[in-house]
Structures are given as structure tokens and as C-alpha cells.
Amino acid sequence: MASPVQVILGGVPVGGGAPIVVQSMTNTSTHEVDLTLMQIRALATAGARIVRVAVPDAEAAEALRALVAASPVPLVADVHFDYRLAVAALQAGVAGVRINPGNIGGLAAVKAVVEAAEERRAVIRVGVNSGSLERTLRDLERKDPAKALVESAVRNCDLLASLGCERIKVSVKSSSPLVTIAANRELARRVPYPLHVGLTEAGTAGLGAVRSAVVLGVLLSEGIGDTIRVSLTGDPVEEVRVALEILRTLGLAPRGPRVISCPTCGRTRLDVEALALAVEQRLQEVGEDLEIAVMGCAVNGPGEARKADFGIAGGEGEGVIFAKGRPVRKVAEAELVEALFAEIAARRSRPTEPMESSRDC
């Protein structure tokens, strides 16, 4: 049930059957150009294909010119309350703006934003959040919060279309997972536009990732969603990592680097958690499409390590390095991580031993 309409946002196709796009948002002060650009580049390197920046004032809007010129990915301006900031952002060259027509300043203001966007073939996202619904929908929100979100989104999409806007993207978000799921299901039935999906104000990295994974897992598995953001408190690069892992888990993105590790039990004689974290960090740096198993005992350890591209199966104070399903050598616990990545590097340098998964051979 992918959205039938496709928009092109700065060269990135969204909707209409295009691959699902991961995006994030900077948390720097936008007018601090060097700092914001550093974060945009970090997000792009992590896998974000669109980055949104807050535009709370004229100084931030002016800074967009330098950011757009140097950014490796399309930028979207996030604007509330003052339509003039949205117009200024579009004039600065952003690929899109996110507005809530309900709080941007009335019909004349929305029309001005549409005209500026159409002139530059930019995309407008109707972004409706439970925290910023129009007053006229407050009674409905108390009775049916999901329906209130959808009614606001449909109403405002219709308004943009009536004003000649041809490039619309839309989102309905709540901090409630169940409300967000229900609202997006209904919205997907009622509008043809690409849907930006995510759980707003999901929380800190651990719990927020779980809540977001539940919402996105349900919706994406039903074919709902064309671009996603995982909204976490903290470093936005973590948002991108979590979003990509959700897509990979659902088979909606290339597998990428992955560590599987055992939960540990009374048989464990290695510090599996420390090993797995160290391997995970190093694997992200390598960036190869690999699965590495870090296992702590002889019950499932050797079998899982053999199934992965590379693996560690441990005993008391030592472990065996596996490569392509075969044991390579036994190593002391303190040397396991270095030995593992030395083996990966050695095999990468041998043209006769390509780095594809042993499960595909």
C-alpha cells in the first residue's frame, strides 16, 4: 500500500514505490553554520538521505544559504508560526519545508508559502502533531485523538492542493504508539501523498528506539510509510542507526553491518557484553555488509558463529575465531577483537576470497 504519488525532494524520490528514505533532524543552533554542517555531514555519513533543520528566526533562515550550498544531502526547513520564515527558507534554496498550516498564519500566509515552493519546485510537508492541533479539533481530539490528527492532515492537504501545490508530503504523529499507528492507517486510506512516519517525542535512546521500532515495524510491514524518522533525545546520528536497523530487520534495506550476540547465562565464561560492544563499534567503522556472531559458550556458540560471516565462540578466558563457517584459530580473550578484525582485513585484501556472506555461497 505504498503511496501512489511520488515527490522528488532535492533529487531524492519519496513515495510512488521508491525505496524508503531515512531522515533525521539536527539539534544544533542552525545559525551556527560550521557546527550544524558538521552534524549534517555526520547524519549523511550514517545513512540519512534527507536532513531537517529548525528555522526559528531570521538568523537561522539566512544561515540556510551556506548550509544548502555545502550540504551533501537535501535540506528541509522546519518552520512554525511565521510564514515569512518558510518563504525565506525556500528563497535560501532548501528542497522542502515542513509546516503545520494550522499554525502558520492563515490562508494568505499558506498561499505565500505555496507560491514560493511552487516557484522553486520544492516539497511542502504537512506535519501534524498531537501537540499542535488546531483549536477547532480539540473536542474531537478528546474523543478520538487519531481521527483528529487525520482530519487536520486531510483538511490541510486539501487546502494546499486547492492553492496549486503539486508536491505534498504528509505526516501525523503522536507520542502514543497506538494513536500513531491508528492515525497513519487511516491517513494512508484517505490521501495519495507520500507519508512521513514516526513516533514523535519517542524518548531516550533505549526506550525510544523500542517504541519507534514497534510503531514503524507495524506500519512498514503493512506497506505504510515512504520516509521515516526515529525521534530520539540525544545524538541524532543514533536516530539514523536505529532507523536503518529497523528497515534491515524488515528486509526493506540492504543488510549492512550486524552483530548478533547471545544473552548470556550461567554457562558464560567470557565478558560477552564488552566483546559485543567493541565488535559493534569496530564493525560500524569498517562499514562492510557483514554479520558477526559473538557467542559466550559451547551450547549455541559454535553453530551460530559458523552461520555468520565471521564469529567468536568463547570459553573461559579464550575464544575461537570463525571465518566463512570455519574455525581459524584459538585466541586469548583479551586478543579476540583484534584477532577478529585482523582476519576480516586479511580476507578483504585477498581478491580470491570475496567478502560475500557464506550463507549465499
Protein backbone atom coordinates (compact mmCIF):
# COMPACT_ATOMS: atom_id res chain seq x y z
CA MET A 1 0.00 0.00 0.00
CA ALA A 2 2.84 2.39 -0.89
CA SER A 3 1.69 5.94 -1.58
CA PRO A 4 0.86 6.24 -5.30
CA VAL A 5 2.13 9.82 -5.61
CA GLN A 6 5.88 10.42 -5.78
CA VAL A 7 7.67 13.67 -4.99
CA ILE A 8 11.31 14.48 -5.73
CA LEU A 9 12.94 16.23 -2.82
CA GLY A 10 16.28 17.64 -3.89
CA GLY A 11 16.85 14.69 -6.19
CA VAL A 12 15.64 12.08 -3.68
CA PRO A 13 12.44 10.29 -4.75
CA VAL A 14 9.89 9.78 -1.97
CA GLY A 15 6.77 7.66 -2.42
CA GLY A 16 5.42 6.04 -5.53
CA GLY A 17 7.28 2.81 -4.87
CA ALA A 18 10.70 4.38 -4.24
CA PRO A 19 12.87 2.83 -1.51
CA ILE A 20 12.00 4.07 1.97
CA VAL A 21 14.07 7.13 2.83
CA VAL A 22 15.67 7.61 6.25
CA GLN A 23 15.86 11.14 7.54
CA SER A 24 16.77 12.95 10.73
CA MET A 25 16.93 16.46 12.16
CA THR A 26 19.83 18.49 13.50
CA ASN A 27 19.77 19.60 17.13
CA THR A 28 22.36 22.35 16.77
CA SER A 29 21.54 26.04 16.58
CA THR A 30 21.02 26.49 12.85
CA HIS A 31 22.78 29.85 12.71
CA GLU A 32 25.97 28.14 13.91
CA VAL A 33 26.80 27.10 10.37
CA ASP A 34 30.02 25.15 10.95
CA LEU A 35 28.58 23.13 13.83
CA THR A 36 25.31 22.44 12.00
CA LEU A 37 27.11 21.46 8.81
CA MET A 38 29.30 19.06 10.78
CA GLN A 39 26.19 17.36 12.12
CA ILE A 40 24.51 17.26 8.71
CA ARG A 41 27.58 15.52 7.30
CA ALA A 42 27.63 13.05 10.19
CA LEU A 43 23.97 12.22 9.58
CA ALA A 44 24.58 11.76 5.86
CA THR A 45 27.55 9.50 6.55
CA ALA A 46 25.39 7.42 8.91
CA GLY A 47 22.80 6.92 6.16
CA ALA A 48 20.33 9.83 6.29
CA ARG A 49 19.27 10.91 2.79
CA ILE A 50 17.30 13.96 3.95
CA VAL A 51 18.08 16.23 6.90
CA ARG A 52 15.71 18.72 8.51
CA VAL A 53 16.85 21.88 10.30
CA ALA A 54 14.91 24.14 12.63
CA VAL A 55 14.25 27.70 11.44
CA PRO A 56 13.03 29.63 14.49
CA ASP A 57 14.17 33.10 13.39
CA ALA A 58 15.54 35.21 10.55
CA GLU A 59 19.16 34.48 11.51
CA ALA A 60 18.55 30.76 11.08
CA ALA A 61 16.81 31.35 7.75
CA GLU A 62 19.76 33.35 6.46
CA ALA A 63 22.20 30.63 7.59
CA LEU A 64 20.40 28.17 5.29
CA ARG A 65 22.12 29.65 2.24
CA ALA A 66 25.52 28.47 3.41
CA LEU A 67 24.14 25.16 4.67
CA VAL A 68 22.33 24.36 1.41
CA ALA A 69 25.46 25.18 -0.60
CA ALA A 70 27.65 22.80 1.41
CA SER A 71 25.24 20.04 2.44
CA PRO A 72 25.75 16.55 0.96
CA VAL A 73 22.00 15.83 1.22
CA PRO A 74 18.79 17.80 0.60
CA LEU A 75 17.70 20.02 3.48
CA VAL A 76 14.18 20.63 4.77
CA ALA A 77 13.36 23.71 6.83
CA ASP A 78 11.17 23.16 9.89
CA VAL A 79 9.01 26.24 10.40
CA HIS A 80 6.21 27.11 12.81
CA PHE A 81 4.05 30.20 13.36
CA ASP A 82 5.75 32.65 10.95
CA TYR A 83 5.14 32.02 7.24
CA ARG A 84 7.83 34.58 6.36
CA LEU A 85 10.47 32.23 7.70
CA ALA A 86 9.19 29.46 5.42
CA VAL A 87 9.33 31.80 2.42
CA ALA A 88 12.84 32.93 3.38
CA ALA A 89 13.97 29.31 3.76
CA LEU A 90 12.66 28.49 0.30
CA GLN A 91 14.41 31.52 -1.12
CA ALA A 92 17.61 30.26 0.53
CA GLY A 93 17.36 27.09 -1.55
CA VAL A 94 16.01 24.34 0.74
CA ALA A 95 14.47 21.35 -1.01
CA GLY A 96 11.41 21.41 1.18
CA VAL A 97 9.66 22.97 4.15
CA ARG A 98 7.74 21.35 6.96
CA ILE A 99 4.84 23.45 8.14
CA ASN A 100 1.62 22.96 10.04
CA PRO A 101 -0.87 25.04 8.03
CA GLY A 102 -2.97 25.27 11.16
CA ASN A 103 -0.41 27.43 12.95
CA ILE A 104 1.47 29.14 10.11
CA GLY A 105 -0.70 32.27 9.97
CA GLY A 106 -3.94 31.88 7.99
CA LEU A 107 -4.93 31.49 4.35
CA ALA A 108 -2.85 34.37 2.95
CA ALA A 109 0.22 33.04 4.73
CA VAL A 110 -0.27 29.50 3.42
CA LYS A 111 -0.75 30.86 -0.09
CA ALA A 112 2.53 32.78 0.12
CA VAL A 113 4.38 29.61 1.16
CA VAL A 114 2.78 27.59 -1.65
CA GLU A 115 3.74 30.20 -4.24
CA ALA A 116 7.36 30.25 -3.04
CA ALA A 117 7.52 26.45 -3.02
CA GLU A 118 5.99 26.06 -6.48
CA GLU A 119 8.34 28.65 -7.93
CA ARG A 120 11.29 26.53 -6.76
CA ARG A 121 9.66 23.10 -7.23
CA ALA A 122 10.14 22.45 -3.53
CA VAL A 123 8.14 19.99 -1.43
CA ILE A 124 5.81 21.05 1.38
CA ARG A 125 5.28 18.59 4.22
CA VAL A 126 2.07 18.95 6.13
CA GLY A 127 3.31 17.99 9.58
CA VAL A 128 0.53 17.42 12.08
CA ASN A 129 1.48 16.58 15.68
CA SER A 130 -0.82 15.87 18.59
CA GLY A 131 0.75 18.76 20.48
CA SER A 132 -0.15 21.38 17.88
CA LEU A 133 -3.63 20.59 16.59
CA GLU A 134 -5.95 23.41 15.58
CA ARG A 135 -8.29 24.58 18.30
CA THR A 136 -11.31 23.58 16.21
CA LEU A 137 -10.26 19.93 16.55
CA ARG A 138 -9.70 19.88 20.32
CA ASP A 139 -13.11 18.39 21.11
CA LEU A 140 -12.62 15.64 18.55
CA GLU A 141 -9.14 15.01 19.89
CA ARG A 142 -10.55 14.28 23.35
CA LYS A 143 -12.92 11.70 21.88
CA ASP A 144 -10.71 10.20 19.15
CA PRO A 145 -7.13 11.54 19.01
CA ALA A 146 -6.19 9.52 15.93
CA LYS A 147 -9.18 10.78 13.96
CA ALA A 148 -8.39 14.37 14.95
CA LEU A 149 -4.85 14.04 13.57
CA VAL A 150 -6.14 12.62 10.31
CA GLU A 151 -8.85 15.26 9.91
CA SER A 152 -6.26 18.00 10.37
CA ALA A 153 -3.89 16.41 7.85
CA VAL A 154 -6.59 15.83 5.21
CA ARG A 155 -8.00 19.31 5.65
CA ASN A 156 -4.60 20.93 5.23
CA CYS A 157 -3.56 18.74 2.29
CA ASP A 158 -6.80 19.73 0.56
CA LEU A 159 -6.01 23.38 1.28
CA LEU A 160 -2.53 23.12 -0.26
CA ALA A 161 -3.89 21.32 -3.31
CA SER A 162 -6.60 23.98 -3.79
CA LEU A 163 -3.87 26.63 -3.82
CA GLY A 164 -1.97 24.85 -6.58
CA CYS A 165 0.62 22.96 -4.54
CA GLU A 166 1.73 19.93 -6.56
CA ARG A 167 4.42 18.49 -4.27
CA ILE A 168 2.93 17.44 -0.94
CA LYS A 169 4.23 15.12 1.73
CA VAL A 170 2.30 14.49 4.94
CA SER A 171 2.73 13.17 8.46
CA VAL A 172 0.56 12.54 11.52
CA LYS A 173 2.47 11.91 14.73
CA SER A 174 1.74 11.39 18.39
CA SER A 175 3.82 10.36 21.37
CA SER A 176 1.33 7.49 21.77
CA PRO A 177 2.33 4.45 19.70
CA LEU A 178 -1.25 3.21 19.37
CA VAL A 179 -2.60 6.61 18.31
CA THR A 180 0.23 6.99 15.78
CA ILE A 181 -0.43 3.56 14.27
CA ALA A 182 -4.20 4.14 14.05
CA ALA A 183 -3.80 7.61 12.56
CA ASN A 184 -1.36 6.50 9.86
CA ARG A 185 -3.53 3.55 8.88
CA GLU A 186 -6.48 5.88 8.35
CA LEU A 187 -4.40 8.56 6.63
CA ALA A 188 -3.00 6.02 4.16
CA ARG A 189 -6.56 5.24 3.11
CA ARG A 190 -7.53 8.86 2.66
CA VAL A 191 -4.66 10.61 0.88
CA PRO A 192 -2.43 9.61 -2.06
CA TYR A 193 0.57 11.62 -0.92
CA PRO A 194 3.85 10.19 0.40
CA LEU A 195 3.71 9.56 4.13
CA HIS A 196 6.46 10.54 6.54
CA VAL A 197 6.04 8.22 9.53
CA GLY A 198 7.50 8.10 13.00
CA LEU A 199 6.68 8.37 16.68
CA THR A 200 7.18 11.91 17.92
CA GLU A 201 8.91 12.51 21.26
CA ALA A 202 9.71 8.79 21.49
CA GLY A 203 12.13 9.23 24.39
CA THR A 204 15.76 8.49 25.10
CA ALA A 205 17.90 6.15 23.02
CA GLY A 206 16.99 2.85 24.67
CA LEU A 207 13.24 3.05 25.29
CA GLY A 208 12.64 5.46 22.42
CA ALA A 209 14.21 3.02 19.99
CA VAL A 210 11.93 0.24 21.24
CA ARG A 211 8.79 2.38 20.95
CA SER A 212 9.77 3.60 17.50
CA ALA A 213 10.57 0.09 16.32
CA VAL A 214 7.12 -1.10 17.38
CA VAL A 215 5.34 1.71 15.51
CA LEU A 216 7.49 1.60 12.39
CA GLY A 217 7.56 -2.18 12.36
CA VAL A 218 3.77 -2.40 12.34
CA LEU A 219 3.23 0.34 9.75
CA LEU A 220 6.05 -0.57 7.38
CA SER A 221 5.10 -4.25 7.45
CA GLU A 222 1.65 -3.15 6.26
CA GLY A 223 3.19 -1.11 3.44
CA ILE A 224 2.50 2.25 5.11
CA GLY A 225 5.30 4.81 5.02
CA ASP A 226 7.60 6.30 2.40
CA THR A 227 10.11 8.13 4.58
CA ILE A 228 10.85 7.65 8.28
CA ARG A 229 12.39 9.39 11.23
CA VAL A 230 13.17 7.86 14.60
CA SER A 231 12.85 10.76 17.07
CA LEU A 232 15.22 10.24 20.00
CA THR A 233 16.52 12.51 22.74
CA GLY A 234 20.27 12.81 22.19
CA ASP A 235 22.66 12.45 19.28
CA PRO A 236 20.59 12.40 16.06
CA VAL A 237 23.13 10.06 14.44
CA GLU A 238 21.67 7.37 16.70
CA GLU A 239 18.26 8.06 15.12
CA VAL A 240 19.67 7.13 11.73
CA ARG A 241 21.31 3.96 13.02
CA VAL A 242 18.09 2.80 14.65
CA ALA A 243 16.01 3.66 11.58
CA LEU A 244 18.33 1.72 9.28
CA GLU A 245 18.31 -1.27 11.60
CA ILE A 246 14.51 -1.25 11.59
CA LEU A 247 14.50 -1.25 7.79
CA ARG A 248 17.11 -4.02 7.63
CA THR A 249 15.19 -6.13 10.12
CA LEU A 250 12.09 -5.85 7.93
CA GLY A 251 14.08 -6.64 4.78
CA LEU A 252 13.46 -3.13 3.43
CA ALA A 253 17.12 -2.09 3.20
CA PRO A 254 20.42 -3.84 2.43
CA ARG A 255 21.56 -5.91 5.37
CA GLY A 256 24.59 -3.79 6.33
CA PRO A 257 26.89 -4.45 9.29
CA ARG A 258 25.24 -6.54 12.01
CA VAL A 259 26.34 -8.09 15.30
CA ILE A 260 24.38 -10.94 16.84
CA SER A 261 25.29 -11.87 20.40
CA CYS A 262 23.98 -14.27 22.99
CA PRO A 263 22.01 -13.00 26.01
CA THR A 264 24.46 -14.82 28.36
CA CYS A 265 23.58 -17.26 31.11
CA GLY A 266 25.24 -19.15 33.95
CA ARG A 267 27.42 -21.06 31.48
CA THR A 268 29.04 -17.90 30.14
CA ARG A 269 32.74 -17.55 30.90
CA LEU A 270 33.50 -14.53 28.69
CA ASP A 271 32.57 -10.86 29.04
CA VAL A 272 30.20 -11.14 26.08
CA GLU A 273 28.67 -7.70 26.53
CA ALA A 274 32.02 -5.91 26.40
CA LEU A 275 33.13 -8.01 23.43
CA ALA A 276 29.89 -7.44 21.51
CA LEU A 277 30.00 -3.67 22.09
CA ALA A 278 33.63 -3.49 20.97
CA VAL A 279 32.90 -5.57 17.87
CA GLU A 280 29.82 -3.48 17.06
CA GLN A 281 31.79 -0.24 17.24
CA ARG A 282 34.62 -1.56 15.08
CA LEU A 283 32.19 -3.05 12.56
CA GLN A 284 30.49 0.32 12.07
CA GLU A 285 33.90 1.78 11.26
CA VAL A 286 34.62 -0.98 8.74
CA GLY A 287 31.21 -0.47 7.12
CA GLU A 288 31.13 -3.87 5.38
CA ASP A 289 27.90 -5.78 4.76
CA LEU A 290 28.77 -8.44 7.31
CA GLU A 291 27.16 -10.42 10.11
CA ILE A 292 29.38 -11.19 13.09
CA ALA A 293 28.35 -13.52 15.92
CA VAL A 294 29.69 -13.04 19.44
CA MET A 295 28.76 -16.08 21.48
CA GLY A 296 29.69 -16.98 25.03
CA CYS A 297 29.50 -20.76 25.42
CA ALA A 298 29.52 -24.13 23.68
CA VAL A 299 25.73 -24.65 23.52
CA ASN A 300 24.81 -22.39 20.59
CA GLY A 301 28.11 -20.59 20.19
CA PRO A 302 29.95 -22.63 17.55
CA GLY A 303 26.81 -23.19 15.48
CA GLU A 304 25.81 -19.52 15.40
CA ALA A 305 29.40 -18.44 14.77
CA ARG A 306 29.57 -20.79 11.79
CA LYS A 307 26.34 -19.40 10.31
CA ALA A 308 27.59 -15.81 10.45
CA ASP A 309 30.18 -14.34 8.09
CA PHE A 310 32.61 -14.15 11.00
CA GLY A 311 32.27 -15.10 14.63
CA ILE A 312 33.67 -15.54 18.08
CA ALA A 313 32.69 -18.55 20.17
CA GLY A 314 34.12 -18.28 23.65
CA GLY A 315 35.12 -20.38 26.59
CA GLU A 316 36.83 -19.49 29.86
CA GLY A 317 39.29 -16.69 29.11
CA GLU A 318 39.61 -17.55 25.43
CA GLY A 319 37.64 -17.97 22.23
CA VAL A 320 37.74 -19.36 18.71
CA ILE A 321 37.66 -17.05 15.68
CA PHE A 322 35.41 -18.30 12.86
CA ALA A 323 35.60 -17.09 9.25
CA LYS A 324 33.22 -18.19 6.49
CA GLY A 325 31.92 -21.01 8.64
CA ARG A 326 35.28 -22.45 9.61
CA PRO A 327 37.33 -22.12 12.83
CA VAL A 328 40.51 -20.13 12.20
CA ARG A 329 42.36 -20.09 15.49
CA LYS A 330 42.00 -20.02 19.24
CA VAL A 331 42.86 -16.69 20.90
CA ALA A 332 43.05 -15.32 24.44
CA GLU A 333 40.00 -13.27 25.47
CA ALA A 334 41.96 -10.00 25.56
CA GLU A 335 43.05 -10.50 21.94
CA LEU A 336 39.75 -11.63 20.42
CA VAL A 337 38.57 -8.34 18.94
CA GLU A 338 41.91 -7.50 17.33
CA ALA A 339 42.29 -11.04 16.00
CA LEU A 340 38.78 -10.99 14.55
CA PHE A 341 39.27 -7.73 12.65
CA ALA A 342 42.74 -8.75 11.55
CA GLU A 343 41.11 -11.77 9.92
CA ILE A 344 38.45 -9.57 8.31
CA ALA A 345 41.13 -7.22 6.96
CA ALA A 346 43.21 -10.11 5.67
CA ARG A 347 40.29 -11.61 3.79
CA ARG A 348 39.31 -8.23 2.38
CA SER A 349 42.79 -7.94 0.86
CA ARG A 350 42.58 -11.33 -0.89
CA PRO A 351 40.83 -10.93 -4.26
CA THR A 352 40.23 -14.68 -4.45
CA GLU A 353 38.18 -14.57 -1.23
CA PRO A 354 35.38 -12.03 -1.75
CA MET A 355 33.59 -10.71 1.31
CA GLU A 356 30.15 -12.04 0.46
CA SER A 357 28.10 -13.91 3.02
CA SER A 358 28.94 -17.59 3.43
CA ARG A 359 25.19 -18.27 3.52
CA ASP A 360 24.90 -17.13 -0.09
CA CYS A 361 27.76 -19.26 -1.45
